Amino acid sequence: MTTPRLLVLRAFLDDPTRERYGLDLANAAGLEPGTIYPILVAFENAGWLRSWQEQVDPHLEGRPRRRYYALTAEGASAAHDALADNARRRGRRANPTGTLAW
């Protein structure tokens, strides 16, 4: 699991029930927007995320429609496991506060 993928998972786990869009996630994870989308597609293909496009009029909103992402139950479990596994592999115990150890 790459560091950018772990950062995306951490961003989702900050509030697991929150629906997030790509730029919001990129900012939360500290990643460039172009980096986030391949990660989101991979997680969605794995069944860890579900996504949908918002139903707004882009002309009225003054911006393109956003695609929102949310963790599935499987994704939340997998995210916790991936972060814990990463902490173990780095020789650190998982931080009980849920923050990344690096």
N, C-alpha and C. Protein backbone atom coordinates (compact mmCIF):
# COMPACT_ATOMS: atom_id res chain seq x y z
N MET A 1 0.86 -1.17 0.00
CA MET A 1 0.00 0.00 0.00
C MET A 1 0.91 1.24 0.00
N THR A 2 0.69 2.10 -0.96
CA THR A 2 1.53 3.29 -1.09
C THR A 2 1.14 4.36 -0.08
N THR A 3 2.07 5.26 0.15
CA THR A 3 1.78 6.36 1.09
C THR A 3 0.59 7.21 0.62
N PRO A 4 0.49 7.59 -0.67
CA PRO A 4 -0.68 8.36 -1.08
C PRO A 4 -2.00 7.61 -0.82
N ARG A 5 -2.02 6.31 -1.04
CA ARG A 5 -3.24 5.55 -0.77
C ARG A 5 -3.56 5.55 0.72
N LEU A 6 -2.54 5.41 1.54
CA LEU A 6 -2.75 5.45 3.00
C LEU A 6 -3.27 6.82 3.44
N LEU A 7 -2.77 7.87 2.83
CA LEU A 7 -3.23 9.22 3.17
C LEU A 7 -4.70 9.41 2.80
N VAL A 8 -5.10 8.85 1.67
CA VAL A 8 -6.52 8.93 1.26
C VAL A 8 -7.39 8.17 2.25
N LEU A 9 -6.96 6.98 2.63
CA LEU A 9 -7.73 6.21 3.61
C LEU A 9 -7.84 6.95 4.93
N ARG A 10 -6.74 7.55 5.35
CA ARG A 10 -6.75 8.32 6.61
C ARG A 10 -7.75 9.47 6.52
N ALA A 11 -7.79 10.15 5.36
CA ALA A 11 -8.74 11.25 5.17
C ALA A 11 -10.18 10.75 5.29
N PHE A 12 -10.46 9.60 4.72
CA PHE A 12 -11.80 9.04 4.85
C PHE A 12 -12.11 8.67 6.29
N LEU A 13 -11.14 8.12 6.99
CA LEU A 13 -11.37 7.67 8.36
C LEU A 13 -11.47 8.82 9.36
N ASP A 14 -11.06 10.01 8.97
CA ASP A 14 -11.24 11.17 9.85
C ASP A 14 -12.72 11.38 10.17
N ASP A 15 -13.58 11.05 9.22
CA ASP A 15 -15.03 11.09 9.42
C ASP A 15 -15.62 10.06 8.46
N PRO A 16 -15.69 8.79 8.88
CA PRO A 16 -16.05 7.69 7.97
C PRO A 16 -17.43 7.80 7.32
N THR A 17 -18.33 8.59 7.89
CA THR A 17 -19.67 8.69 7.30
C THR A 17 -19.80 9.89 6.36
N ARG A 18 -18.78 10.71 6.30
CA ARG A 18 -18.83 11.91 5.46
C ARG A 18 -18.66 11.56 3.99
N GLU A 19 -19.49 12.16 3.17
CA GLU A 19 -19.38 12.02 1.72
C GLU A 19 -18.40 13.08 1.24
N ARG A 20 -17.40 12.65 0.46
CA ARG A 20 -16.32 13.55 0.06
C ARG A 20 -16.22 13.59 -1.45
N TYR A 21 -15.79 14.71 -2.00
CA TYR A 21 -15.51 14.81 -3.43
C TYR A 21 -14.00 14.91 -3.63
N GLY A 22 -13.55 14.72 -4.84
CA GLY A 22 -12.14 14.56 -5.14
C GLY A 22 -11.24 15.68 -4.63
N LEU A 23 -11.56 16.93 -4.93
CA LEU A 23 -10.70 18.03 -4.51
C LEU A 23 -10.67 18.14 -2.99
N ASP A 24 -11.80 17.93 -2.36
CA ASP A 24 -11.87 17.93 -0.90
C ASP A 24 -10.94 16.86 -0.32
N LEU A 25 -10.98 15.67 -0.90
CA LEU A 25 -10.10 14.59 -0.44
C LEU A 25 -8.63 14.89 -0.72
N ALA A 26 -8.35 15.44 -1.88
CA ALA A 26 -6.96 15.78 -2.21
C ALA A 26 -6.40 16.76 -1.18
N ASN A 27 -7.18 17.77 -0.84
CA ASN A 27 -6.74 18.75 0.15
C ASN A 27 -6.58 18.10 1.53
N ALA A 28 -7.52 17.26 1.93
CA ALA A 28 -7.45 16.60 3.24
C ALA A 28 -6.26 15.66 3.33
N ALA A 29 -5.92 15.02 2.22
CA ALA A 29 -4.81 14.06 2.21
C ALA A 29 -3.48 14.73 1.91
N GLY A 30 -3.50 16.00 1.50
CA GLY A 30 -2.26 16.69 1.17
C GLY A 30 -1.67 16.23 -0.15
N LEU A 31 -2.54 15.85 -1.09
CA LEU A 31 -2.11 15.34 -2.39
C LEU A 31 -2.57 16.27 -3.50
N GLU A 32 -1.90 16.18 -4.63
CA GLU A 32 -2.32 16.92 -5.81
C GLU A 32 -3.60 16.29 -6.36
N PRO A 33 -4.52 17.10 -6.88
CA PRO A 33 -5.78 16.54 -7.38
C PRO A 33 -5.60 15.44 -8.42
N GLY A 34 -4.62 15.55 -9.30
CA GLY A 34 -4.41 14.52 -10.31
C GLY A 34 -3.98 13.19 -9.73
N THR A 35 -3.44 13.20 -8.53
CA THR A 35 -3.00 11.98 -7.86
C THR A 35 -4.17 11.21 -7.26
N ILE A 36 -5.18 11.92 -6.86
CA ILE A 36 -6.26 11.31 -6.07
C ILE A 36 -7.19 10.44 -6.90
N TYR A 37 -7.47 10.84 -8.13
CA TYR A 37 -8.50 10.14 -8.89
C TYR A 37 -8.16 8.69 -9.24
N PRO A 38 -6.94 8.37 -9.64
CA PRO A 38 -6.64 6.94 -9.86
C PRO A 38 -6.78 6.11 -8.58
N ILE A 39 -6.46 6.72 -7.45
CA ILE A 39 -6.62 6.02 -6.17
C ILE A 39 -8.09 5.77 -5.87
N LEU A 40 -8.92 6.76 -6.10
CA LEU A 40 -10.36 6.61 -5.86
C LEU A 40 -10.96 5.54 -6.76
N VAL A 41 -10.55 5.51 -8.01
CA VAL A 41 -11.05 4.49 -8.95
C VAL A 41 -10.63 3.09 -8.47
N ALA A 42 -9.38 2.96 -8.05
CA ALA A 42 -8.90 1.66 -7.57
C ALA A 42 -9.68 1.21 -6.33
N PHE A 43 -9.91 2.11 -5.40
CA PHE A 43 -10.65 1.76 -4.18
C PHE A 43 -12.11 1.44 -4.51
N GLU A 44 -12.67 2.16 -5.45
CA GLU A 44 -14.07 1.85 -5.84
C GLU A 44 -14.14 0.48 -6.52
N ASN A 45 -13.19 0.18 -7.39
CA ASN A 45 -13.16 -1.12 -8.05
C ASN A 45 -12.97 -2.26 -7.06
N ALA A 46 -12.28 -1.98 -5.95
CA ALA A 46 -12.08 -2.99 -4.91
C ALA A 46 -13.29 -3.13 -4.01
N GLY A 47 -14.29 -2.25 -4.17
CA GLY A 47 -15.48 -2.31 -3.33
C GLY A 47 -15.35 -1.55 -2.03
N TRP A 48 -14.29 -0.76 -1.89
CA TRP A 48 -14.07 0.00 -0.66
C TRP A 48 -14.82 1.32 -0.64
N LEU A 49 -15.17 1.82 -1.82
CA LEU A 49 -15.89 3.08 -1.95
C LEU A 49 -17.09 2.90 -2.85
N ARG A 50 -18.06 3.77 -2.66
CA ARG A 50 -19.15 3.90 -3.63
C ARG A 50 -19.13 5.35 -4.06
N SER A 51 -19.59 5.62 -5.26
CA SER A 51 -19.57 7.00 -5.74
C SER A 51 -20.85 7.30 -6.52
N TRP A 52 -21.11 8.58 -6.64
CA TRP A 52 -22.25 9.07 -7.41
C TRP A 52 -21.97 10.51 -7.78
N GLN A 53 -22.62 10.94 -8.84
CA GLN A 53 -22.48 12.32 -9.28
C GLN A 53 -23.64 13.13 -8.73
N GLU A 54 -23.33 14.29 -8.19
CA GLU A 54 -24.39 15.12 -7.63
C GLU A 54 -25.34 15.59 -8.73
N GLN A 55 -26.55 15.83 -8.36
CA GLN A 55 -27.57 16.26 -9.30
C GLN A 55 -27.82 17.75 -9.13
N VAL A 56 -26.95 18.54 -9.73
CA VAL A 56 -27.10 20.00 -9.72
C VAL A 56 -26.95 20.51 -11.14
N ASP A 57 -27.42 21.72 -11.36
CA ASP A 57 -27.22 22.37 -12.65
C ASP A 57 -25.90 23.13 -12.59
N PRO A 58 -24.90 22.70 -13.37
CA PRO A 58 -23.59 23.35 -13.32
C PRO A 58 -23.65 24.86 -13.62
N HIS A 59 -24.60 25.27 -14.46
CA HIS A 59 -24.71 26.69 -14.79
C HIS A 59 -25.19 27.49 -13.59
N LEU A 60 -26.15 26.93 -12.86
CA LEU A 60 -26.65 27.62 -11.66
C LEU A 60 -25.62 27.61 -10.54
N GLU A 61 -24.88 26.52 -10.42
CA GLU A 61 -23.87 26.41 -9.36
C GLU A 61 -22.59 27.16 -9.69
N GLY A 62 -22.35 27.38 -10.98
CA GLY A 62 -21.13 28.06 -11.40
C GLY A 62 -19.89 27.18 -11.29
N ARG A 63 -20.11 25.87 -11.34
CA ARG A 63 -19.00 24.91 -11.27
C ARG A 63 -19.49 23.58 -11.85
N PRO A 64 -18.55 22.71 -12.21
CA PRO A 64 -18.95 21.39 -12.71
C PRO A 64 -19.61 20.56 -11.60
N ARG A 65 -20.36 19.56 -12.02
CA ARG A 65 -20.92 18.61 -11.05
C ARG A 65 -19.77 17.90 -10.34
N ARG A 66 -19.99 17.57 -9.09
CA ARG A 66 -18.98 16.84 -8.33
C ARG A 66 -19.34 15.37 -8.25
N ARG A 67 -18.32 14.54 -8.22
CA ARG A 67 -18.52 13.12 -7.95
C ARG A 67 -18.17 12.93 -6.49
N TYR A 68 -19.12 12.41 -5.74
CA TYR A 68 -18.92 12.18 -4.30
C TYR A 68 -18.56 10.72 -4.06
N TYR A 69 -17.77 10.50 -3.02
CA TYR A 69 -17.30 9.18 -2.63
C TYR A 69 -17.59 8.97 -1.16
N ALA A 70 -17.92 7.74 -0.82
CA ALA A 70 -18.13 7.37 0.58
C ALA A 70 -17.57 5.98 0.80
N LEU A 71 -17.05 5.76 1.99
CA LEU A 71 -16.54 4.43 2.35
C LEU A 71 -17.69 3.45 2.47
N THR A 72 -17.49 2.25 1.99
CA THR A 72 -18.42 1.16 2.26
C THR A 72 -18.01 0.55 3.59
N ALA A 73 -18.84 -0.32 4.14
CA ALA A 73 -18.48 -1.01 5.39
C ALA A 73 -17.19 -1.80 5.18
N GLU A 74 -17.10 -2.47 4.03
CA GLU A 74 -15.88 -3.22 3.70
C GLU A 74 -14.68 -2.28 3.60
N GLY A 75 -14.89 -1.11 3.02
CA GLY A 75 -13.81 -0.14 2.87
C GLY A 75 -13.33 0.41 4.20
N ALA A 76 -14.25 0.68 5.10
CA ALA A 76 -13.86 1.18 6.43
C ALA A 76 -13.01 0.14 7.15
N SER A 77 -13.44 -1.11 7.10
CA SER A 77 -12.69 -2.18 7.74
C SER A 77 -11.31 -2.34 7.09
N ALA A 78 -11.28 -2.33 5.77
CA ALA A 78 -10.02 -2.47 5.04
C ALA A 78 -9.09 -1.29 5.31
N ALA A 79 -9.65 -0.10 5.43
CA ALA A 79 -8.84 1.08 5.71
C ALA A 79 -8.17 0.97 7.09
N HIS A 80 -8.95 0.57 8.08
CA HIS A 80 -8.38 0.37 9.42
C HIS A 80 -7.28 -0.68 9.38
N ASP A 81 -7.54 -1.78 8.68
CA ASP A 81 -6.55 -2.86 8.58
C ASP A 81 -5.28 -2.39 7.87
N ALA A 82 -5.44 -1.64 6.77
CA ALA A 82 -4.28 -1.17 6.01
C ALA A 82 -3.42 -0.23 6.83
N LEU A 83 -4.05 0.68 7.57
CA LEU A 83 -3.28 1.61 8.39
C LEU A 83 -2.58 0.88 9.54
N ALA A 84 -3.27 -0.07 10.14
CA ALA A 84 -2.65 -0.84 11.22
C ALA A 84 -1.50 -1.70 10.69
N ASP A 85 -1.71 -2.32 9.53
CA ASP A 85 -0.66 -3.14 8.92
C ASP A 85 0.55 -2.29 8.58
N ASN A 86 0.32 -1.09 8.06
CA ASN A 86 1.42 -0.20 7.73
C ASN A 86 2.20 0.16 9.00
N ALA A 87 1.49 0.44 10.07
CA ALA A 87 2.16 0.78 11.34
C ALA A 87 3.00 -0.40 11.83
N ARG A 88 2.45 -1.62 11.72
CA ARG A 88 3.20 -2.81 12.15
C ARG A 88 4.45 -3.02 11.29
N ARG A 89 4.29 -2.85 9.98
CA ARG A 89 5.43 -3.06 9.08
C ARG A 89 6.53 -2.04 9.33
N ARG A 90 6.16 -0.88 9.76
CA ARG A 90 7.16 0.15 10.04
C ARG A 90 7.76 -0.02 11.44
N GLY A 91 7.33 -1.06 12.12
CA GLY A 91 7.88 -1.34 13.44
C GLY A 91 7.32 -0.46 14.53
N ARG A 92 6.18 0.12 14.25
CA ARG A 92 5.52 0.98 15.24
C ARG A 92 4.19 0.38 15.59
N ARG A 93 3.79 0.61 16.77
CA ARG A 93 2.46 0.14 17.14
C ARG A 93 1.44 1.17 16.67
N ALA A 94 0.26 0.71 16.32
CA ALA A 94 -0.78 1.59 15.85
C ALA A 94 -1.09 2.64 16.92
N ASN A 95 -1.20 3.87 16.49
CA ASN A 95 -1.46 4.97 17.41
C ASN A 95 -2.93 4.92 17.83
N PRO A 96 -3.24 4.84 19.12
CA PRO A 96 -4.62 4.74 19.56
C PRO A 96 -5.45 5.97 19.24
N THR A 97 -4.82 7.11 18.95
CA THR A 97 -5.58 8.30 18.60
C THR A 97 -6.01 8.27 17.13
N GLY A 98 -5.48 7.32 16.38
CA GLY A 98 -5.86 7.21 14.97
C GLY A 98 -5.05 8.08 14.04
N THR A 99 -4.05 8.78 14.55
CA THR A 99 -3.23 9.61 13.67
C THR A 99 -2.10 8.78 13.08
N LEU A 100 -1.65 9.19 11.92
CA LEU A 100 -0.56 8.48 11.28
C LEU A 100 0.71 8.65 12.09
N ALA A 101 1.51 7.61 12.13
CA ALA A 101 2.72 7.62 12.95
C ALA A 101 3.90 8.28 12.25
N TRP A 102 3.79 8.61 10.97
CA TRP A 102 4.95 9.21 10.31
C TRP A 102 4.77 10.65 10.06
